[in-house]
C-alpha atoms as a PDB file:
ATOM      1  CA  MET A   1     -48.523 145.165   6.899  1.00  0.00           C
ATOM      2  CA  ALA A   2     -45.060 146.688   7.174  1.00  0.00           C
ATOM      3  CA  GLN A   3     -42.172 144.354   6.560  1.00  0.00           C
ATOM      4  CA  LEU A   4     -39.667 143.902   9.379  1.00  0.00           C
ATOM      5  CA  SER A   5     -36.084 144.952   8.741  1.00  0.00           C
ATOM      6  CA  VAL A   6     -33.316 142.378   8.882  1.00  0.00           C
ATOM      7  CA  PHE A   7     -32.103 143.876  12.182  1.00  0.00           C
ATOM      8  CA  LYS A   8     -35.560 143.505  13.716  1.00  0.00           C
ATOM      9  CA  LYS A   9     -35.917 139.918  12.497  1.00  0.00           C
ATOM     10  CA  ILE A  10     -32.505 138.999  13.899  1.00  0.00           C
ATOM     11  CA  SER A  11     -33.321 140.816  17.147  1.00  0.00           C
ATOM     12  CA  ILE A  12     -36.533 138.810  17.576  1.00  0.00           C
ATOM     13  CA  LEU A  13     -34.637 135.566  16.941  1.00  0.00           C
ATOM     14  CA  ILE A  14     -31.952 136.539  19.472  1.00  0.00           C
ATOM     15  CA  VAL A  15     -34.615 137.406  22.079  1.00  0.00           C
ATOM     16  CA  ILE A  16     -36.098 133.920  21.706  1.00  0.00           C
ATOM     17  CA  ILE A  17     -32.678 132.231  21.820  1.00  0.00           C
ATOM     18  CA  ASP A  18     -31.608 134.233  24.890  1.00  0.00           C
ATOM     19  CA  VAL A  19     -34.796 133.393  26.795  1.00  0.00           C
ATOM     20  CA  VAL A  20     -34.331 129.696  25.966  1.00  0.00           C
ATOM     21  CA  TRP A  21     -30.644 129.885  27.018  1.00  0.00           C
ATOM     22  CA  SER A  22     -31.608 131.564  30.263  1.00  0.00           C
ATOM     23  CA  ALA A  23     -34.199 128.872  31.020  1.00  0.00           C
ATOM     24  CA  ALA A  24     -31.695 126.121  30.169  1.00  0.00           C
ATOM     25  CA  ALA A  25     -29.118 127.726  32.475  1.00  0.00           C
ATOM     26  CA  ILE A  26     -31.651 127.930  35.303  1.00  0.00           C
ATOM     27  CA  ILE A  27     -32.407 124.233  34.882  1.00  0.00           C
ATOM     28  CA  HIS A  28     -28.683 123.400  34.745  1.00  0.00           C
ATOM     29  CA  ASP A  29     -27.831 125.513  37.812  1.00  0.00           C
ATOM     30  CA  LEU A  30     -30.955 124.601  39.779  1.00  0.00           C
ATOM     31  CA  ASP A  31     -29.097 122.455  42.305  1.00  0.00           C
ATOM     32  CA  MET A  32     -26.696 125.348  42.976  1.00  0.00           C
ATOM     33  CA  PHE A  33     -29.461 127.777  43.945  1.00  0.00           C
ATOM     34  CA  GLY A  34     -29.904 126.052  47.295  1.00  0.00           C
ATOM     35  CA  THR A  35     -26.217 126.477  48.172  1.00  0.00           C
ATOM     36  CA  ILE A  36     -26.105 130.215  47.433  1.00  0.00           C
ATOM     37  CA  PRO A  37     -27.866 132.763  49.667  1.00  0.00           C
ATOM     38  CA  VAL A  38     -30.718 134.424  47.762  1.00  0.00           C
ATOM     39  CA  TYR A  39     -29.205 137.904  48.217  1.00  0.00           C
ATOM     40  CA  PHE A  40     -26.063 136.737  46.334  1.00  0.00           C
ATOM     41  CA  TRP A  41     -27.950 135.349  43.323  1.00  0.00           C
ATOM     42  CA  PRO A  42     -27.648 138.522  41.183  1.00  0.00           C
ATOM     43  CA  PHE A  43     -23.895 138.552  41.838  1.00  0.00           C
ATOM     44  CA  VAL A  44     -23.138 134.861  41.403  1.00  0.00           C
ATOM     45  CA  VAL A  45     -25.732 133.203  39.163  1.00  0.00           C
ATOM     46  CA  ILE A  46     -24.265 134.507  35.915  1.00  0.00           C
ATOM     47  CA  CYS A  47     -25.342 132.178  33.108  1.00  0.00           C
ATOM     48  CA  PRO A  48     -29.119 132.520  33.563  1.00  0.00           C
ATOM     49  CA  LEU A  49     -28.977 136.247  34.353  1.00  0.00           C
ATOM     50  CA  TYR A  50     -27.119 137.768  31.402  1.00  0.00           C
ATOM     51  CA  PRO A  51     -28.944 136.042  28.516  1.00  0.00           C
ATOM     52  CA  LEU A  52     -32.214 137.129  30.145  1.00  0.00           C
ATOM     53  CA  LEU A  53     -31.037 140.744  30.501  1.00  0.00           C
ATOM     54  CA  LEU A  54     -29.683 140.706  26.956  1.00  0.00           C
ATOM     55  CA  SER A  55     -33.051 139.475  25.672  1.00  0.00           C
ATOM     56  CA  LEU A  56     -34.615 142.570  27.252  1.00  0.00           C
ATOM     57  CA  VAL A  57     -32.049 144.844  25.567  1.00  0.00           C
ATOM     58  CA  TRP A  58     -32.657 143.186  22.177  1.00  0.00           C
ATOM     59  CA  ALA A  59     -36.432 143.386  22.649  1.00  0.00           C
ATOM     60  CA  LYS A  60     -36.212 147.092  23.450  1.00  0.00           C
ATOM     61  CA  SER A  61     -33.833 147.716  20.529  1.00  0.00           C
ATOM     62  CA  ILE A  62     -36.475 146.480  18.086  1.00  0.00           C
ATOM     63  CA  SER A  63     -38.513 149.650  18.538  1.00  0.00           C
ATOM     64  CA  SER A  64     -35.964 152.159  19.891  1.00  0.00           C
ATOM     65  CA  SER A  65     -32.691 152.528  21.733  1.00  0.00           C
ATOM     66  CA  PRO A  66     -32.588 150.445  24.908  1.00  0.00           C
ATOM     67  CA  ASN A  67     -32.592 151.993  28.360  1.00  0.00           C
ATOM     68  CA  ASN A  68     -28.985 152.890  29.141  1.00  0.00           C
ATOM     69  CA  TYR A  69     -29.052 151.307  32.608  1.00  0.00           C
ATOM     70  CA  LEU A  70     -30.377 148.061  31.148  1.00  0.00           C
ATOM     71  CA  LEU A  71     -27.752 148.268  28.398  1.00  0.00           C
ATOM     72  CA  ALA A  72     -24.961 148.842  30.919  1.00  0.00           C
ATOM     73  CA  PHE A  73     -26.083 146.082  33.319  1.00  0.00           C
ATOM     74  CA  ALA A  74     -26.678 143.549  30.523  1.00  0.00           C
ATOM     75  CA  ALA A  75     -24.060 144.245  27.878  1.00  0.00           C
ATOM     76  CA  LEU A  76     -21.077 145.386  29.940  1.00  0.00           C
ATOM     77  CA  PRO A  77     -20.982 142.369  32.312  1.00  0.00           C
ATOM     78  CA  SER A  78     -21.688 140.022  29.388  1.00  0.00           C
ATOM     79  CA  THR A  79     -18.681 141.442  27.566  1.00  0.00           C
ATOM     80  CA  ILE A  80     -16.500 141.217  30.677  1.00  0.00           C
ATOM     81  CA  TYR A  81     -17.516 137.602  31.249  1.00  0.00           C
ATOM     82  CA  LEU A  82     -16.561 136.880  27.634  1.00  0.00           C
ATOM     83  CA  PHE A  83     -12.976 137.708  28.603  1.00  0.00           C
ATOM     84  CA  ALA A  84     -13.351 135.991  31.971  1.00  0.00           C
ATOM     85  CA  ALA A  85     -14.451 132.739  30.319  1.00  0.00           C
ATOM     86  CA  LEU A  86     -11.315 132.759  28.192  1.00  0.00           C
ATOM     87  CA  ILE A  87      -9.266 133.032  31.384  1.00  0.00           C
ATOM     88  CA  TYR A  88     -11.192 130.967  33.906  1.00  0.00           C
ATOM     89  CA  TYR A  89     -12.367 127.847  32.063  1.00  0.00           C
ATOM     90  CA  PRO A  90      -8.984 126.917  30.518  1.00  0.00           C
ATOM     91  CA  THR A  91      -7.375 127.504  33.939  1.00  0.00           C
ATOM     92  CA  TRP A  92     -10.007 125.305  35.583  1.00  0.00           C
ATOM     93  CA  MET A  93      -9.312 122.526  33.077  1.00  0.00           C
ATOM     94  CA  MET A  94      -5.551 122.863  33.674  1.00  0.00           C
ATOM     95  CA  GLN A  95      -6.080 122.571  37.445  1.00  0.00           C
ATOM     96  CA  ASN A  96      -8.511 119.653  37.123  1.00  0.00           C
ATOM     97  CA  GLU A  97      -8.796 117.864  33.814  1.00  0.00           C
ATOM     98  CA  PHE A  98     -10.350 118.440  30.424  1.00  0.00           C
ATOM     99  CA  ASP A  99     -14.122 118.410  30.694  1.00  0.00           C
ATOM    100  CA  TRP A 100     -16.535 118.715  27.772  1.00  0.00           C
ATOM    101  CA  LEU A 101     -19.126 120.558  29.858  1.00  0.00           C
ATOM    102  CA  THR A 102     -16.547 123.123  30.960  1.00  0.00           C
ATOM    103  CA  PHE A 103     -15.211 123.396  27.410  1.00  0.00           C
ATOM    104  CA  GLY A 104     -18.772 123.993  26.185  1.00  0.00           C
ATOM    105  CA  ALA A 105     -19.248 126.666  28.848  1.00  0.00           C
ATOM    106  CA  ILE A 106     -16.589 128.738  27.090  1.00  0.00           C
ATOM    107  CA  PHE A 107     -18.776 128.891  23.979  1.00  0.00           C
ATOM    108  CA  TRP A 108     -21.926 129.453  26.041  1.00  0.00           C
ATOM    109  CA  VAL A 109     -20.395 132.555  27.619  1.00  0.00           C
ATOM    110  CA  LEU A 110     -18.847 133.638  24.311  1.00  0.00           C
ATOM    111  CA  ALA A 111     -22.317 133.523  22.723  1.00  0.00           C
ATOM    112  CA  TYR A 112     -23.744 136.085  25.111  1.00  0.00           C
ATOM    113  CA  GLY A 113     -20.451 137.957  25.487  1.00  0.00           C
ATOM    114  CA  VAL A 114     -20.329 138.682  21.772  1.00  0.00           C
ATOM    115  CA  GLN A 115     -23.900 139.992  21.998  1.00  0.00           C
ATOM    116  CA  GLY A 116     -22.862 142.329  24.812  1.00  0.00           C
ATOM    117  CA  PHE A 117     -19.874 143.515  22.790  1.00  0.00           C
ATOM    118  CA  TYR A 118     -22.064 144.189  19.745  1.00  0.00           C
ATOM    119  CA  LEU A 119     -24.700 146.038  21.762  1.00  0.00           C
ATOM    120  CA  LEU A 120     -22.065 148.229  23.410  1.00  0.00           C
ATOM    121  CA  TRP A 121     -20.651 148.959  19.969  1.00  0.00           C
ATOM    122  CA  ARG A 122     -24.074 149.767  18.494  1.00  0.00           C
ATOM    123  CA  PHE A 123     -25.582 151.875  21.289  1.00  0.00           C
ATOM    124  CA  ARG A 124     -24.160 154.809  23.229  1.00  0.00           C
ATOM    125  CA  LEU A 125     -22.997 153.920  26.757  1.00  0.00           C
ATOM    126  CA  LYS A 126     -23.530 156.750  29.238  1.00  0.00           C
ATOM    127  CA  LEU A 127     -21.164 157.400  32.133  1.00  0.00           C
ATOM    128  CA  LEU A 128     -23.368 156.914  35.222  1.00  0.00           C
ATOM    129  CA  PRO A 129     -24.881 153.585  34.109  1.00  0.00           C
ATOM    130  CA  ALA A 130     -21.388 152.393  33.120  1.00  0.00           C
ATOM    131  CA  ILE A 131     -19.960 153.317  36.531  1.00  0.00           C
ATOM    132  CA  LEU A 132     -22.848 151.615  38.350  1.00  0.00           C
ATOM    133  CA  ALA A 133     -22.432 148.464  36.226  1.00  0.00           C
ATOM    134  CA  CYS A 134     -18.705 148.469  37.072  1.00  0.00           C
ATOM    135  CA  VAL A 135     -19.456 148.808  40.793  1.00  0.00           C
ATOM    136  CA  PHE A 136     -21.892 145.909  40.461  1.00  0.00           C
ATOM    137  CA  LEU A 137     -19.245 143.821  38.670  1.00  0.00           C
ATOM    138  CA  PHE A 138     -16.621 144.668  41.281  1.00  0.00           C
ATOM    139  CA  ALA A 139     -19.021 143.639  44.060  1.00  0.00           C
ATOM    140  CA  SER A 140     -19.754 140.450  42.129  1.00  0.00           C
ATOM    141  CA  PHE A 141     -16.041 139.695  41.740  1.00  0.00           C
ATOM    142  CA  ILE A 142     -15.394 140.320  45.435  1.00  0.00           C
ATOM    143  CA  ILE A 143     -18.268 138.053  46.494  1.00  0.00           C
ATOM    144  CA  GLN A 144     -17.090 135.341  44.101  1.00  0.00           C
ATOM    145  CA  PHE A 145     -13.480 135.766  45.230  1.00  0.00           C
ATOM    146  CA  LEU A 146     -14.402 135.467  48.912  1.00  0.00           C
ATOM    147  CA  ASN A 147     -16.451 132.346  48.196  1.00  0.00           C
ATOM    148  CA  LYS A 148     -13.755 130.921  45.884  1.00  0.00           C
ATOM    149  CA  THR A 149     -16.100 130.633  42.931  1.00  0.00           C
ATOM    150  CA  PHE A 150     -16.423 131.881  39.389  1.00  0.00           C
ATOM    151  CA  GLY A 151     -20.174 132.219  39.063  1.00  0.00           C
ATOM    152  CA  THR A 152     -21.346 128.864  40.348  1.00  0.00           C
ATOM    153  CA  GLN A 153     -18.072 127.103  39.433  1.00  0.00           C
ATOM    154  CA  ASP A 154     -15.793 125.962  42.237  1.00  0.00           C
ATOM    155  CA  PHE A 155     -12.378 127.590  42.733  1.00  0.00           C
ATOM    156  CA  THR A 156     -11.442 125.774  45.961  1.00  0.00           C
ATOM    157  CA  ASN A 157      -8.613 123.703  44.479  1.00  0.00           C
ATOM    158  CA  PHE A 158      -6.943 126.813  43.015  1.00  0.00           C
ATOM    159  CA  SER A 159      -4.086 128.473  44.836  1.00  0.00           C
ATOM    160  CA  ASP A 160      -4.890 131.799  46.467  1.00  0.00           C
ATOM    161  CA  GLN A 161      -2.307 133.513  44.249  1.00  0.00           C
ATOM    162  CA  LEU A 162      -3.976 132.192  41.110  1.00  0.00           C
ATOM    163  CA  ILE A 163      -7.415 133.330  42.280  1.00  0.00           C
ATOM    164  CA  ILE A 164      -6.090 136.781  43.179  1.00  0.00           C
ATOM    165  CA  THR A 165      -4.334 137.046  39.814  1.00  0.00           C
ATOM    166  CA  GLU A 166      -7.471 136.080  37.906  1.00  0.00           C
ATOM    167  CA  TYR A 167      -9.711 138.535  39.751  1.00  0.00           C
ATOM    168  CA  LEU A 168      -7.199 141.387  39.529  1.00  0.00           C
ATOM    169  CA  THR A 169      -7.061 140.700  35.804  1.00  0.00           C
ATOM    170  CA  LEU A 170     -10.866 140.893  35.670  1.00  0.00           C
ATOM    171  CA  PHE A 171     -10.822 144.219  37.525  1.00  0.00           C
ATOM    172  CA  LEU A 172      -8.383 145.620  34.946  1.00  0.00           C
ATOM    173  CA  ILE A 173     -10.371 144.197  32.028  1.00  0.00           C
ATOM    174  CA  THR A 174     -13.558 145.722  33.463  1.00  0.00           C
ATOM    175  CA  ILE A 175     -12.012 149.167  33.789  1.00  0.00           C
ATOM    176  CA  SER A 176     -10.347 149.120  30.370  1.00  0.00           C
ATOM    177  CA  THR A 177     -13.429 147.754  28.570  1.00  0.00           C
ATOM    178  CA  THR A 178     -15.692 150.329  30.193  1.00  0.00           C
ATOM    179  CA  VAL A 179     -13.332 153.170  29.329  1.00  0.00           C
ATOM    180  CA  PHE A 180     -12.998 151.857  25.770  1.00  0.00           C
ATOM    181  CA  PHE A 181     -16.747 151.724  25.123  1.00  0.00           C
ATOM    182  CA  TYR A 182     -17.432 155.004  26.896  1.00  0.00           C
ATOM    183  CA  LYS A 183     -14.621 156.864  25.113  1.00  0.00           C
ATOM    184  CA  ASN A 184     -15.350 155.298  21.715  1.00  0.00           C
ATOM    185  CA  ASN A 185     -19.060 156.004  21.567  1.00  0.00           C
ATOM    186  CA  ASP A 186     -18.405 157.996  18.404  1.00  0.00           C
ATOM    187  CA  LEU A 187     -17.407 154.811  16.566  1.00  0.00           C
ATOM    188  CA  SER A 188     -20.947 153.480  16.540  1.00  0.00           C
ATOM    189  CA  SER A 189     -22.440 156.662  15.090  1.00  0.00           C
END
């Protein structure tokens, strides 16, 4: 029996962890599902979605390079939400009060954001999937902005200027991150 490489062993472990994280996020966000129209779920229900998509990318990477559309739709938004978590959650705690659950959410998102960053660094990101993932993210940001949410988190006690500033920042981060990983594909070779 052939021995698995370290990368494959780690990939299998990450697949299991991501599936468990996704299930835990579904359980945590379960009460929110009823308040969000079903057609908005892919745009708003972030924490269960991206670990699940990342688990698929890791599973595929065990035997070959992952599908570029799956890579773009899993890793790029995960990386963007890594930056978003560093902006949104501290702002939320400044507007409200310190909250351990919100503080922990930073690390939750960082855990799958770092995976997205690594996967984008390791595998070549093609232009069309990257553009489509950006369009998806922009639609997601617009839907969240109009509903005054960040994922399933409430933004209603934030000033409109602060919300606009945060989402404009996310638009710029999305564009610059996508350009960086598309232009620097040679770094991972």
